[in-house]
Amino acid sequence: MAMRDIRVIGDPVLRTVCDPITKIDDRVRSLVADLLETVDTEGRAGLAANQIGVSLRAFSYNIDDEIGYVLNPVVAELSEQTQEGDEGCLSVPGLWFATKRAFYARVVGQDLDGKEIMVEGTGLMARCLQHEVDHLDGHLYLDRLDRATRKKAMAAVREL
């Protein structure tokens, strides 16, 4: 296991759609261990594999003292009810912007044994699940901002 460096905005891996995990081997087990160790730091809610430079569909989460991971996650359900709150990202350090998300989210995927797992939640957990799957699809939360806020965000990014 290793605490991995976080890739930041401008790194092309963050804009690349991640490949599905087709074989669970030692490389994938090591990736999950690294994701779990790297997310297990105060203030970190989630971490996608491409944020540590690995273009595979996997992420870890750390919400309300619950730490876990999902391989090959797919958003299975989102509520029509929404939430809006400040959202940040390890790959866009120091910047927080009001971002609209579904209030409830359910993600299905696999564990390291290849068995189907489901993670769901409301509030912060729902925000995290949506945020991390977006990463695996090559999107940053900045892409979800309204036009005026996105303009301010991109100006702040250029100042980084």
N, C-alpha and C. Protein backbone atom coordinates (compact mmCIF):
# COMPACT_ATOMS: atom_id res chain seq x y z
N MET A 1 0.84 -1.18 0.00
CA MET A 1 0.00 0.00 0.00
C MET A 1 0.88 1.24 0.00
N ALA A 2 0.35 2.28 -0.64
CA ALA A 2 1.11 3.52 -0.70
C ALA A 2 0.16 4.70 -0.80
N MET A 3 0.52 5.77 -0.10
CA MET A 3 -0.17 7.03 -0.27
C MET A 3 0.28 7.58 -1.60
N ARG A 4 -0.65 7.81 -2.51
CA ARG A 4 -0.30 8.21 -3.87
C ARG A 4 -0.49 9.71 -4.07
N ASP A 5 0.32 10.29 -4.97
CA ASP A 5 0.18 11.70 -5.34
C ASP A 5 -1.10 11.88 -6.14
N ILE A 6 -1.72 13.05 -5.96
CA ILE A 6 -2.97 13.37 -6.64
C ILE A 6 -2.66 14.16 -7.90
N ARG A 7 -3.23 13.73 -9.02
CA ARG A 7 -3.11 14.47 -10.27
C ARG A 7 -4.03 15.68 -10.21
N VAL A 8 -3.58 16.79 -10.77
CA VAL A 8 -4.37 18.02 -10.71
C VAL A 8 -4.83 18.45 -12.10
N ILE A 9 -5.82 19.34 -12.09
CA ILE A 9 -6.42 19.83 -13.33
C ILE A 9 -5.33 20.23 -14.31
N GLY A 10 -5.54 19.85 -15.55
CA GLY A 10 -4.54 20.05 -16.60
C GLY A 10 -3.89 18.74 -17.00
N ASP A 11 -3.88 17.75 -16.09
CA ASP A 11 -3.34 16.43 -16.41
C ASP A 11 -4.36 15.70 -17.28
N PRO A 12 -3.97 15.26 -18.48
CA PRO A 12 -4.92 14.62 -19.40
C PRO A 12 -5.60 13.37 -18.85
N VAL A 13 -5.01 12.68 -17.88
CA VAL A 13 -5.64 11.47 -17.35
C VAL A 13 -6.99 11.80 -16.69
N LEU A 14 -7.15 13.03 -16.21
CA LEU A 14 -8.41 13.42 -15.56
C LEU A 14 -9.54 13.60 -16.57
N ARG A 15 -9.20 13.75 -17.84
CA ARG A 15 -10.21 13.94 -18.89
C ARG A 15 -10.38 12.70 -19.75
N THR A 16 -9.81 11.59 -19.30
CA THR A 16 -9.87 10.33 -20.03
C THR A 16 -10.92 9.42 -19.41
N VAL A 17 -11.77 8.84 -20.25
CA VAL A 17 -12.74 7.87 -19.76
C VAL A 17 -11.97 6.62 -19.34
N CYS A 18 -12.19 6.17 -18.11
CA CYS A 18 -11.42 5.04 -17.57
C CYS A 18 -11.92 3.71 -18.14
N ASP A 19 -11.00 2.79 -18.28
CA ASP A 19 -11.31 1.46 -18.81
C ASP A 19 -11.94 0.59 -17.73
N PRO A 20 -12.88 -0.28 -18.12
CA PRO A 20 -13.43 -1.22 -17.14
C PRO A 20 -12.37 -2.20 -16.68
N ILE A 21 -12.54 -2.67 -15.48
CA ILE A 21 -11.65 -3.69 -14.93
C ILE A 21 -12.20 -5.04 -15.38
N THR A 22 -11.43 -5.75 -16.17
CA THR A 22 -11.90 -7.03 -16.72
C THR A 22 -11.33 -8.23 -15.97
N LYS A 23 -10.24 -8.01 -15.24
CA LYS A 23 -9.60 -9.10 -14.52
C LYS A 23 -9.14 -8.57 -13.16
N ILE A 24 -9.58 -9.22 -12.11
CA ILE A 24 -9.15 -8.81 -10.77
C ILE A 24 -7.90 -9.61 -10.42
N ASP A 25 -6.78 -8.89 -10.47
CA ASP A 25 -5.49 -9.51 -10.22
C ASP A 25 -4.73 -8.71 -9.16
N ASP A 26 -3.46 -9.02 -8.98
CA ASP A 26 -2.66 -8.33 -7.96
C ASP A 26 -2.55 -6.83 -8.24
N ARG A 27 -2.52 -6.46 -9.51
CA ARG A 27 -2.45 -5.04 -9.86
C ARG A 27 -3.70 -4.31 -9.37
N VAL A 28 -4.87 -4.90 -9.56
CA VAL A 28 -6.12 -4.28 -9.13
C VAL A 28 -6.20 -4.27 -7.60
N ARG A 29 -5.77 -5.35 -6.97
CA ARG A 29 -5.76 -5.39 -5.50
C ARG A 29 -4.85 -4.30 -4.93
N SER A 30 -3.71 -4.11 -5.55
CA SER A 30 -2.78 -3.07 -5.14
C SER A 30 -3.39 -1.67 -5.36
N LEU A 31 -4.06 -1.49 -6.48
CA LEU A 31 -4.74 -0.22 -6.76
C LEU A 31 -5.76 0.08 -5.68
N VAL A 32 -6.60 -0.89 -5.33
CA VAL A 32 -7.61 -0.68 -4.30
C VAL A 32 -6.96 -0.33 -2.96
N ALA A 33 -5.89 -1.05 -2.61
CA ALA A 33 -5.18 -0.74 -1.36
C ALA A 33 -4.67 0.70 -1.37
N ASP A 34 -4.11 1.13 -2.49
CA ASP A 34 -3.62 2.52 -2.61
C ASP A 34 -4.77 3.53 -2.55
N LEU A 35 -5.88 3.23 -3.21
CA LEU A 35 -7.04 4.12 -3.15
C LEU A 35 -7.55 4.27 -1.72
N LEU A 36 -7.63 3.15 -1.01
CA LEU A 36 -8.12 3.19 0.37
C LEU A 36 -7.17 3.95 1.28
N GLU A 37 -5.88 3.71 1.13
CA GLU A 37 -4.91 4.41 1.97
C GLU A 37 -4.88 5.91 1.67
N THR A 38 -4.97 6.26 0.39
CA THR A 38 -4.87 7.66 -0.01
C THR A 38 -6.13 8.44 0.39
N VAL A 39 -7.29 7.80 0.39
CA VAL A 39 -8.52 8.50 0.78
C VAL A 39 -8.67 8.60 2.30
N ASP A 40 -7.93 7.79 3.03
CA ASP A 40 -8.06 7.73 4.49
C ASP A 40 -7.26 8.85 5.16
N THR A 41 -7.63 10.07 4.82
CA THR A 41 -7.02 11.27 5.37
C THR A 41 -8.14 12.25 5.66
N GLU A 42 -8.06 12.94 6.77
CA GLU A 42 -9.11 13.89 7.13
C GLU A 42 -9.34 14.88 6.00
N GLY A 43 -10.61 15.12 5.72
CA GLY A 43 -10.98 16.07 4.68
C GLY A 43 -11.14 15.46 3.31
N ARG A 44 -10.84 14.18 3.17
CA ARG A 44 -10.99 13.51 1.87
C ARG A 44 -12.25 12.67 1.88
N ALA A 45 -13.13 12.92 0.90
CA ALA A 45 -14.40 12.20 0.81
C ALA A 45 -14.35 11.07 -0.20
N GLY A 46 -13.59 11.24 -1.27
CA GLY A 46 -13.54 10.22 -2.30
C GLY A 46 -12.32 10.40 -3.18
N LEU A 47 -11.99 9.34 -3.90
CA LEU A 47 -10.82 9.35 -4.77
C LEU A 47 -11.03 8.36 -5.91
N ALA A 48 -10.94 8.86 -7.13
CA ALA A 48 -11.05 8.00 -8.31
C ALA A 48 -9.66 7.57 -8.77
N ALA A 49 -9.59 6.41 -9.39
CA ALA A 49 -8.30 5.86 -9.82
C ALA A 49 -7.53 6.81 -10.73
N ASN A 50 -8.23 7.49 -11.63
CA ASN A 50 -7.49 8.39 -12.53
C ASN A 50 -6.89 9.58 -11.79
N GLN A 51 -7.38 9.89 -10.60
CA GLN A 51 -6.78 10.97 -9.82
C GLN A 51 -5.40 10.59 -9.29
N ILE A 52 -5.09 9.30 -9.32
CA ILE A 52 -3.73 8.86 -8.95
C ILE A 52 -3.01 8.30 -10.19
N GLY A 53 -3.53 8.63 -11.36
CA GLY A 53 -2.85 8.31 -12.60
C GLY A 53 -3.14 6.95 -13.20
N VAL A 54 -4.16 6.26 -12.70
CA VAL A 54 -4.52 4.93 -13.21
C VAL A 54 -5.87 5.02 -13.90
N SER A 55 -5.90 4.74 -15.17
CA SER A 55 -7.13 4.89 -15.96
C SER A 55 -7.98 3.63 -15.94
N LEU A 56 -8.36 3.21 -14.74
CA LEU A 56 -9.25 2.06 -14.55
C LEU A 56 -10.47 2.51 -13.74
N ARG A 57 -11.61 1.84 -13.95
CA ARG A 57 -12.86 2.22 -13.28
C ARG A 57 -12.90 1.68 -11.85
N ALA A 58 -12.39 2.51 -10.94
CA ALA A 58 -12.41 2.18 -9.52
C ALA A 58 -12.34 3.47 -8.73
N PHE A 59 -13.03 3.50 -7.60
CA PHE A 59 -12.90 4.63 -6.71
C PHE A 59 -13.04 4.18 -5.26
N SER A 60 -12.56 5.02 -4.36
CA SER A 60 -12.72 4.79 -2.93
C SER A 60 -13.50 5.96 -2.34
N TYR A 61 -14.09 5.74 -1.16
CA TYR A 61 -14.83 6.80 -0.49
C TYR A 61 -14.55 6.75 1.00
N ASN A 62 -14.76 7.90 1.64
CA ASN A 62 -14.50 8.06 3.07
C ASN A 62 -15.54 9.07 3.59
N ILE A 63 -16.72 8.56 3.89
CA ILE A 63 -17.83 9.41 4.31
C ILE A 63 -18.32 8.95 5.68
N ASP A 64 -18.36 9.89 6.63
CA ASP A 64 -18.87 9.60 7.98
C ASP A 64 -18.23 8.36 8.58
N ASP A 65 -16.91 8.28 8.49
CA ASP A 65 -16.12 7.17 9.04
C ASP A 65 -16.40 5.83 8.35
N GLU A 66 -17.02 5.85 7.19
CA GLU A 66 -17.21 4.64 6.38
C GLU A 66 -16.27 4.74 5.19
N ILE A 67 -15.31 3.83 5.14
CA ILE A 67 -14.35 3.80 4.05
C ILE A 67 -14.60 2.55 3.22
N GLY A 68 -14.63 2.73 1.91
CA GLY A 68 -14.86 1.59 1.03
C GLY A 68 -14.42 1.90 -0.38
N TYR A 69 -14.75 0.99 -1.29
CA TYR A 69 -14.36 1.13 -2.69
C TYR A 69 -15.40 0.46 -3.57
N VAL A 70 -15.39 0.78 -4.84
CA VAL A 70 -16.24 0.13 -5.83
C VAL A 70 -15.43 -0.02 -7.11
N LEU A 71 -15.46 -1.20 -7.68
CA LEU A 71 -14.86 -1.46 -8.99
C LEU A 71 -15.98 -1.40 -10.03
N ASN A 72 -15.67 -0.87 -11.20
CA ASN A 72 -16.63 -0.78 -12.31
C ASN A 72 -17.98 -0.18 -11.89
N PRO A 73 -17.95 0.95 -11.19
CA PRO A 73 -19.21 1.52 -10.71
C PRO A 73 -20.07 2.08 -11.84
N VAL A 74 -21.37 1.92 -11.66
CA VAL A 74 -22.38 2.48 -12.55
C VAL A 74 -23.43 3.13 -11.67
N VAL A 75 -23.82 4.35 -12.02
CA VAL A 75 -24.91 4.99 -11.29
C VAL A 75 -26.20 4.29 -11.69
N ALA A 76 -26.84 3.67 -10.71
CA ALA A 76 -28.05 2.90 -10.97
C ALA A 76 -29.31 3.71 -10.71
N GLU A 77 -29.21 4.70 -9.82
CA GLU A 77 -30.39 5.50 -9.50
C GLU A 77 -29.97 6.84 -8.93
N LEU A 78 -30.69 7.87 -9.35
CA LEU A 78 -30.55 9.21 -8.80
C LEU A 78 -31.95 9.73 -8.48
N SER A 79 -32.08 10.43 -7.38
CA SER A 79 -33.38 11.01 -7.05
C SER A 79 -33.66 12.24 -7.90
N GLU A 80 -34.94 12.53 -8.05
CA GLU A 80 -35.31 13.78 -8.71
C GLU A 80 -35.05 14.95 -7.78
N GLN A 81 -35.13 14.71 -6.48
CA GLN A 81 -34.84 15.76 -5.50
C GLN A 81 -33.34 16.09 -5.59
N THR A 82 -33.03 17.37 -5.56
CA THR A 82 -31.65 17.78 -5.70
C THR A 82 -31.14 18.46 -4.43
N GLN A 83 -29.85 18.64 -4.39
CA GLN A 83 -29.18 19.38 -3.34
C GLN A 83 -28.19 20.31 -4.02
N GLU A 84 -27.94 21.44 -3.41
CA GLU A 84 -26.91 22.33 -3.92
C GLU A 84 -26.04 22.73 -2.76
N GLY A 85 -24.75 22.56 -2.94
CA GLY A 85 -23.82 22.91 -1.88
C GLY A 85 -22.42 23.03 -2.44
N ASP A 86 -21.55 23.59 -1.62
CA ASP A 86 -20.16 23.74 -2.05
C ASP A 86 -19.54 22.38 -2.27
N GLU A 87 -18.85 22.27 -3.39
CA GLU A 87 -18.16 21.03 -3.73
C GLU A 87 -16.73 21.39 -4.09
N GLY A 88 -15.82 20.55 -3.68
CA GLY A 88 -14.42 20.73 -4.02
C GLY A 88 -13.88 19.44 -4.59
N CYS A 89 -12.59 19.44 -4.90
CA CYS A 89 -11.98 18.27 -5.51
C CYS A 89 -10.49 18.28 -5.24
N LEU A 90 -9.95 17.13 -4.90
CA LEU A 90 -8.51 17.03 -4.68
C LEU A 90 -7.72 17.41 -5.93
N SER A 91 -8.31 17.23 -7.09
CA SER A 91 -7.64 17.55 -8.34
C SER A 91 -7.81 19.01 -8.76
N VAL A 92 -8.60 19.74 -8.00
CA VAL A 92 -8.78 21.18 -8.20
C VAL A 92 -8.57 21.81 -6.83
N PRO A 93 -7.34 21.77 -6.32
CA PRO A 93 -7.08 22.10 -4.91
C PRO A 93 -7.43 23.54 -4.54
N GLY A 94 -8.08 23.65 -3.37
CA GLY A 94 -8.35 24.94 -2.78
C GLY A 94 -9.57 25.67 -3.31
N LEU A 95 -10.25 25.12 -4.29
CA LEU A 95 -11.41 25.80 -4.87
C LEU A 95 -12.69 25.03 -4.54
N TRP A 96 -13.71 25.77 -4.13
CA TRP A 96 -15.02 25.21 -3.78
C TRP A 96 -16.08 26.05 -4.46
N PHE A 97 -17.04 25.37 -5.12
CA PHE A 97 -18.11 26.08 -5.80
C PHE A 97 -19.43 25.34 -5.58
N ALA A 98 -20.52 26.13 -5.51
CA ALA A 98 -21.86 25.55 -5.36
C ALA A 98 -22.15 24.69 -6.58
N THR A 99 -22.48 23.43 -6.32
CA THR A 99 -22.71 22.45 -7.38
C THR A 99 -24.02 21.71 -7.10
N LYS A 100 -24.86 21.62 -8.11
CA LYS A 100 -26.14 20.93 -7.99
C LYS A 100 -25.95 19.44 -8.28
N ARG A 101 -26.46 18.62 -7.37
CA ARG A 101 -26.40 17.16 -7.52
C ARG A 101 -27.73 16.57 -7.07
N ALA A 102 -27.96 15.31 -7.42
CA ALA A 102 -29.11 14.59 -6.89
C ALA A 102 -28.92 14.40 -5.38
N PHE A 103 -30.01 14.46 -4.63
CA PHE A 103 -29.94 14.30 -3.18
C PHE A 103 -29.64 12.85 -2.78
N TYR A 104 -30.10 11.90 -3.59
CA TYR A 104 -29.89 10.47 -3.34
C TYR A 104 -29.21 9.86 -4.57
N ALA A 105 -28.28 8.95 -4.31
CA ALA A 105 -27.63 8.22 -5.40
C ALA A 105 -27.39 6.78 -4.98
N ARG A 106 -27.49 5.88 -5.96
CA ARG A 106 -27.16 4.47 -5.75
C ARG A 106 -26.23 4.05 -6.87
N VAL A 107 -25.11 3.44 -6.48
CA VAL A 107 -24.10 2.96 -7.42
C VAL A 107 -23.97 1.46 -7.25
N VAL A 108 -23.87 0.74 -8.35
CA VAL A 108 -23.60 -0.70 -8.29
C VAL A 108 -22.27 -0.96 -8.99
N GLY A 109 -21.60 -1.98 -8.53
CA GLY A 109 -20.31 -2.35 -9.10
C GLY A 109 -19.89 -3.70 -8.55
N GLN A 110 -18.57 -3.86 -8.39
CA GLN A 110 -18.02 -5.13 -7.93
C GLN A 110 -17.05 -4.89 -6.78
N ASP A 111 -16.84 -5.97 -6.01
CA ASP A 111 -15.78 -5.95 -5.01
C ASP A 111 -14.59 -6.75 -5.55
N LEU A 112 -13.58 -6.92 -4.73
CA LEU A 112 -12.37 -7.63 -5.19
C LEU A 112 -12.58 -9.12 -5.42
N ASP A 113 -13.71 -9.65 -4.98
CA ASP A 113 -14.05 -11.05 -5.25
C ASP A 113 -14.90 -11.19 -6.51
N GLY A 114 -15.18 -10.05 -7.16
CA GLY A 114 -16.00 -10.08 -8.36
C GLY A 114 -17.48 -10.11 -8.08
N LYS A 115 -17.86 -10.00 -6.81
CA LYS A 115 -19.27 -10.02 -6.44
C LYS A 115 -19.88 -8.63 -6.58
N GLU A 116 -21.17 -8.61 -6.97
CA GLU A 116 -21.85 -7.33 -7.11
C GLU A 116 -22.01 -6.67 -5.75
N ILE A 117 -21.73 -5.37 -5.70
CA ILE A 117 -21.95 -4.59 -4.49
C ILE A 117 -22.76 -3.35 -4.85
N MET A 118 -23.39 -2.78 -3.84
CA MET A 118 -24.18 -1.58 -4.03
C MET A 118 -23.82 -0.62 -2.91
N VAL A 119 -23.64 0.64 -3.26
CA VAL A 119 -23.41 1.69 -2.28
C VAL A 119 -24.43 2.77 -2.58
N GLU A 120 -25.09 3.25 -1.54
CA GLU A 120 -26.10 4.28 -1.74
C GLU A 120 -26.06 5.26 -0.59
N GLY A 121 -26.66 6.40 -0.81
CA GLY A 121 -26.72 7.36 0.27
C GLY A 121 -27.37 8.65 -0.17
N THR A 122 -27.57 9.50 0.82
CA THR A 122 -28.11 10.83 0.59
C THR A 122 -27.07 11.85 0.99
N GLY A 123 -27.35 13.11 0.68
CA GLY A 123 -26.47 14.18 1.11
C GLY A 123 -25.05 14.01 0.61
N LEU A 124 -24.11 14.04 1.55
CA LEU A 124 -22.68 13.98 1.19
C LEU A 124 -22.31 12.67 0.50
N MET A 125 -22.87 11.56 0.94
CA MET A 125 -22.56 10.28 0.27
C MET A 125 -23.05 10.31 -1.17
N ALA A 126 -24.25 10.81 -1.40
CA ALA A 126 -24.78 10.90 -2.77
C ALA A 126 -23.89 11.80 -3.62
N ARG A 127 -23.47 12.92 -3.06
CA ARG A 127 -22.58 13.85 -3.78
C ARG A 127 -21.27 13.15 -4.15
N CYS A 128 -20.70 12.42 -3.19
CA CYS A 128 -19.44 11.72 -3.41
C CYS A 128 -19.58 10.67 -4.52
N LEU A 129 -20.62 9.86 -4.47
CA LEU A 129 -20.80 8.82 -5.47
C LEU A 129 -20.89 9.41 -6.88
N GLN A 130 -21.66 10.48 -7.02
CA GLN A 130 -21.81 11.12 -8.33
C GLN A 130 -20.48 11.74 -8.78
N HIS A 131 -19.79 12.39 -7.85
CA HIS A 131 -18.52 13.06 -8.15
C HIS A 131 -17.48 12.05 -8.64
N GLU A 132 -17.38 10.91 -7.95
CA GLU A 132 -16.34 9.93 -8.31
C GLU A 132 -16.66 9.23 -9.63
N VAL A 133 -17.92 8.90 -9.88
CA VAL A 133 -18.27 8.29 -11.17
C VAL A 133 -18.02 9.30 -12.29
N ASP A 134 -18.31 10.57 -12.04
CA ASP A 134 -17.97 11.60 -13.04
C ASP A 134 -16.48 11.55 -13.39
N HIS A 135 -15.63 11.45 -12.36
CA HIS A 135 -14.19 11.36 -12.62
C HIS A 135 -13.87 10.21 -13.57
N LEU A 136 -14.46 9.06 -13.31
CA LEU A 136 -14.17 7.87 -14.12
C LEU A 136 -14.67 8.02 -15.55
N ASP A 137 -15.61 8.94 -15.74
CA ASP A 137 -16.12 9.25 -17.08
C ASP A 137 -15.39 10.43 -17.72
N GLY A 138 -14.31 10.89 -17.07
CA GLY A 138 -13.50 11.97 -17.62
C GLY A 138 -14.01 13.37 -17.36
N HIS A 139 -14.87 13.52 -16.34
CA HIS A 139 -15.45 14.83 -16.02
C HIS A 139 -14.99 15.32 -14.65
N LEU A 140 -14.88 16.62 -14.53
CA LEU A 140 -14.62 17.27 -13.24
C LEU A 140 -15.90 17.96 -12.79
N TYR A 141 -16.01 18.21 -11.49
CA TYR A 141 -17.22 18.87 -11.00
C TYR A 141 -17.41 20.24 -11.62
N LEU A 142 -16.34 20.86 -12.07
CA LEU A 142 -16.42 22.17 -12.72
C LEU A 142 -17.32 22.12 -13.96
N ASP A 143 -17.38 20.96 -14.60
CA ASP A 143 -18.22 20.78 -15.80
C ASP A 143 -19.70 20.91 -15.47
N ARG A 144 -20.07 20.71 -14.22
CA ARG A 144 -21.48 20.73 -13.81
C ARG A 144 -21.95 22.10 -13.32
N LEU A 145 -21.04 23.06 -13.25
CA LEU A 145 -21.39 24.38 -12.75
C LEU A 145 -22.23 25.15 -13.76
N ASP A 146 -23.10 26.04 -13.24
CA ASP A 146 -23.84 26.90 -14.16
C ASP A 146 -22.84 27.82 -14.86
N ARG A 147 -23.26 28.40 -15.94
CA ARG A 147 -22.36 29.15 -16.82
C ARG A 147 -21.59 30.26 -16.09
N ALA A 148 -22.28 31.07 -15.30
CA ALA A 148 -21.62 32.19 -14.61
C ALA A 148 -20.60 31.69 -13.59
N THR A 149 -20.99 30.66 -12.83
CA THR A 149 -20.09 30.11 -11.82
C THR A 149 -18.90 29.43 -12.48
N ARG A 150 -19.15 28.74 -13.57
CA ARG A 150 -18.05 28.06 -14.28
C ARG A 150 -17.03 29.08 -14.79
N LYS A 151 -17.50 30.22 -15.26
CA LYS A 151 -16.60 31.26 -15.75
C LYS A 151 -15.69 31.73 -14.60
N LYS A 152 -16.27 31.96 -13.41
CA LYS A 152 -15.49 32.36 -12.24
C LYS A 152 -14.52 31.25 -11.84
N ALA A 153 -15.00 30.02 -11.89
CA ALA A 153 -14.16 28.88 -11.51
C ALA A 153 -12.96 28.74 -12.43
N MET A 154 -13.17 28.88 -13.72
CA MET A 154 -12.07 28.72 -14.66
C MET A 154 -11.05 29.85 -14.51
N ALA A 155 -11.52 31.05 -14.17
CA ALA A 155 -10.59 32.16 -13.90
C ALA A 155 -9.74 31.83 -12.67
N ALA A 156 -10.38 31.25 -11.64
CA ALA A 156 -9.65 30.86 -10.42
C ALA A 156 -8.67 29.74 -10.72
N VAL A 157 -9.04 28.81 -11.58
CA VAL A 157 -8.14 27.71 -11.95
C VAL A 157 -6.89 28.27 -12.65
N ARG A 158 -7.10 29.23 -13.53
CA ARG A 158 -5.95 29.81 -14.25
C ARG A 158 -4.98 30.49 -13.29
N GLU A 159 -5.50 30.99 -12.17
CA GLU A 159 -4.64 31.65 -11.17
C GLU A 159 -3.84 30.65 -10.35
N LEU A 160 -4.27 29.38 -10.35
CA LEU A 160 -3.57 28.36 -9.55
C LEU A 160 -2.15 28.24 -10.00
